[in-house]
Amino acid sequence: MPKASVKRLIKCKKKDLINLVLDIEKYPRFVPFCYDAKIYEDKNEGDLQKIIADLTIGKGPFKDTYKSDVAFNKKTDTIYVKNIEGPLNHLTNNWTFTDKNNGITEVTFDIDFEIKNKFLNSLMVVSFQFGLEKIADAFQKRAEELFGNSKN
């Protein structure tokens, strides 16, 4: 099952990066392999913001939609995602955001998943780190486009 981690230093306010990651319905505009996104529920429960959302992802003829439970912990500035249903046996990913000097935020993205289709899962193992780097690049580029010129 594919597991990977990416860490980036991005010149952007932590709050802006968190909002970018939580703005799931805009993913198809800039995230590679993401074709559609829909939020079904978005509610606050104390220190948690809880979102239920669908993402349609794929490459070429392989596209599928999975539903996720997204929890943003406002105290720890972390986002935890797990799949609820869809083509995955399991999916977990974690985003952590840490303020650094001079308006830089360190973002760490860890992901672990397994696709139900064993053939597709074996293909993903081979190209997964490359795909994850492309997705991290897309978030970094989007953050710099939207917030790069803001005063930190």
Protein backbone atom coordinates (compact mmCIF):
# COMPACT_ATOMS: atom_id res chain seq x y z
CA MET A 1 0.00 0.00 0.00
CA PRO A 2 1.38 3.41 -0.92
CA LYS A 3 2.70 5.58 1.90
CA ALA A 4 4.51 8.84 1.44
CA SER A 5 5.35 12.13 3.09
CA VAL A 6 6.13 15.54 1.65
CA LYS A 7 7.43 18.58 3.51
CA ARG A 8 7.51 22.09 2.04
CA LEU A 9 8.45 25.57 3.20
CA ILE A 10 5.96 28.03 1.70
CA LYS A 11 6.08 31.82 1.94
CA CYS A 12 2.54 32.24 3.18
CA LYS A 13 0.63 32.73 6.42
CA LYS A 14 -0.29 29.50 8.18
CA LYS A 15 -3.96 30.53 8.35
CA ASP A 16 -4.08 31.11 4.59
CA LEU A 17 -2.54 27.70 3.85
CA ILE A 18 -5.00 25.95 6.15
CA ASN A 19 -7.90 27.72 4.42
CA LEU A 20 -6.49 26.70 1.03
CA VAL A 21 -6.42 23.03 2.04
CA LEU A 22 -9.94 23.23 3.52
CA ASP A 23 -11.34 24.86 0.35
CA ILE A 24 -11.92 21.41 -1.13
CA GLU A 25 -14.41 22.42 -3.81
CA LYS A 26 -11.68 24.44 -5.55
CA TYR A 27 -9.29 21.47 -5.88
CA PRO A 28 -10.29 20.70 -9.49
CA ARG A 29 -8.97 24.15 -10.48
CA PHE A 30 -5.39 23.39 -9.48
CA VAL A 31 -4.82 19.88 -8.08
CA PRO A 32 -3.49 17.36 -10.62
CA PHE A 33 -5.60 14.23 -11.04
CA CYS A 34 -8.64 15.89 -9.36
CA TYR A 35 -11.66 16.17 -11.64
CA ASP A 36 -14.47 17.10 -9.23
CA ALA A 37 -15.08 17.95 -5.58
CA LYS A 38 -18.24 18.37 -3.54
CA ILE A 39 -18.77 19.23 0.12
CA TYR A 40 -21.84 17.64 1.74
CA GLU A 41 -21.35 18.84 5.28
CA ASP A 42 -19.24 21.52 6.96
CA LYS A 43 -19.79 22.10 10.67
CA ASN A 44 -17.93 23.27 13.74
CA GLU A 45 -17.85 21.17 16.90
CA GLY A 46 -15.80 22.97 19.53
CA ASP A 47 -12.17 23.01 18.40
CA LEU A 48 -12.93 20.83 15.36
CA GLN A 49 -14.18 21.80 11.92
CA LYS A 50 -15.68 18.67 10.35
CA ILE A 51 -16.21 18.31 6.62
CA ILE A 52 -17.69 15.45 4.61
CA ALA A 53 -16.65 15.69 0.96
CA ASP A 54 -16.34 13.74 -2.29
CA LEU A 55 -13.30 13.91 -4.54
CA THR A 56 -13.21 12.47 -8.03
CA ILE A 57 -9.64 11.57 -8.85
CA GLY A 58 -7.88 9.62 -11.55
CA LYS A 59 -5.61 9.59 -14.52
CA GLY A 60 -6.55 8.86 -18.09
CA PRO A 61 -9.41 6.36 -18.25
CA PHE A 62 -9.16 5.54 -14.53
CA LYS A 63 -11.42 7.87 -12.53
CA ASP A 64 -13.31 7.25 -9.34
CA THR A 65 -15.00 9.13 -6.52
CA TYR A 66 -14.40 8.61 -2.85
CA LYS A 67 -16.03 10.19 0.18
CA SER A 68 -13.85 11.52 2.99
CA ASP A 69 -14.23 12.68 6.56
CA VAL A 70 -12.02 15.75 7.06
CA ALA A 71 -11.31 17.09 10.56
CA PHE A 72 -9.44 20.34 11.17
CA ASN A 73 -8.19 20.72 14.74
CA LYS A 74 -8.07 24.46 15.41
CA LYS A 75 -5.88 24.05 18.51
CA THR A 76 -3.13 22.01 16.86
CA ASP A 77 -3.49 23.40 13.31
CA THR A 78 -3.68 19.89 11.87
CA ILE A 79 -6.01 18.38 9.30
CA TYR A 80 -6.78 14.66 9.43
CA VAL A 81 -8.55 12.93 6.52
CA LYS A 82 -9.91 9.40 6.30
CA ASN A 83 -12.03 7.77 3.63
CA ILE A 84 -15.62 6.78 4.33
CA GLU A 85 -16.52 5.01 1.07
CA GLY A 86 -15.36 4.57 -2.48
CA PRO A 87 -12.61 2.68 -4.34
CA LEU A 88 -10.19 2.66 -1.41
CA ASN A 89 -9.74 -0.03 1.21
CA HIS A 90 -8.42 2.76 3.38
CA LEU A 91 -7.03 6.26 3.19
CA THR A 92 -5.55 8.46 5.86
CA ASN A 93 -3.71 11.68 5.38
CA ASN A 94 -2.46 14.30 7.76
CA TRP A 95 -1.55 17.92 7.16
CA THR A 96 0.50 19.80 9.74
CA PHE A 97 1.30 23.50 9.56
CA THR A 98 4.11 25.15 11.52
CA ASP A 99 5.05 28.85 11.57
CA LYS A 100 8.69 29.52 10.70
CA ASN A 101 10.57 32.84 10.48
CA ASN A 102 9.80 35.63 7.98
CA GLY A 103 6.25 34.59 7.09
CA ILE A 104 7.25 31.07 6.07
CA THR A 105 5.02 28.11 6.94
CA GLU A 106 6.28 24.54 7.02
CA VAL A 107 3.67 22.16 5.65
CA THR A 108 3.94 18.42 6.10
CA PHE A 109 1.60 16.08 4.23
CA ASP A 110 1.57 12.37 5.11
CA ILE A 111 -0.60 9.89 3.21
CA ASP A 112 -1.29 6.18 3.47
CA PHE A 113 -3.85 4.43 1.29
CA GLU A 114 -4.77 1.23 -0.48
CA ILE A 115 -6.96 0.96 -3.57
CA LYS A 116 -9.41 -1.97 -3.64
CA ASN A 117 -8.36 -2.84 -7.22
CA LYS A 118 -5.06 -4.71 -6.71
CA PHE A 119 -3.81 -3.94 -10.25
CA LEU A 120 -4.36 -0.18 -9.84
CA ASN A 121 -2.84 -0.34 -6.37
CA SER A 122 0.36 -1.91 -7.76
CA LEU A 123 0.53 0.79 -10.46
CA MET A 124 0.16 3.51 -7.81
CA VAL A 125 3.02 2.12 -5.73
CA VAL A 126 5.39 2.71 -8.66
CA SER A 127 4.37 6.30 -9.46
CA PHE A 128 2.97 7.47 -6.16
CA GLN A 129 5.83 9.63 -4.85
CA PHE A 130 6.02 11.43 -8.21
CA GLY A 131 2.26 12.08 -8.12
CA LEU A 132 2.41 13.30 -4.54
CA GLU A 133 5.23 15.71 -5.42
CA LYS A 134 3.10 17.08 -8.29
CA ILE A 135 0.17 17.60 -5.90
CA ALA A 136 2.45 19.31 -3.34
CA ASP A 137 3.82 21.51 -6.13
CA ALA A 138 0.25 22.47 -7.09
CA PHE A 139 -0.66 23.50 -3.54
CA GLN A 140 2.57 25.48 -3.19
CA LYS A 141 2.05 27.25 -6.52
CA ARG A 142 -1.59 28.03 -5.69
CA ALA A 143 -0.62 29.43 -2.27
CA GLU A 144 2.08 31.61 -3.80
CA GLU A 145 -0.35 32.86 -6.49
CA LEU A 146 -3.07 33.68 -3.96
CA PHE A 147 -1.07 34.85 -0.95
CA GLY A 148 2.56 35.30 -2.00
CA ASN A 149 2.36 39.06 -2.15
CA SER A 150 0.47 39.50 1.12
CA LYS A 151 2.18 41.01 4.13
CA ASN A 152 3.01 38.38 6.72
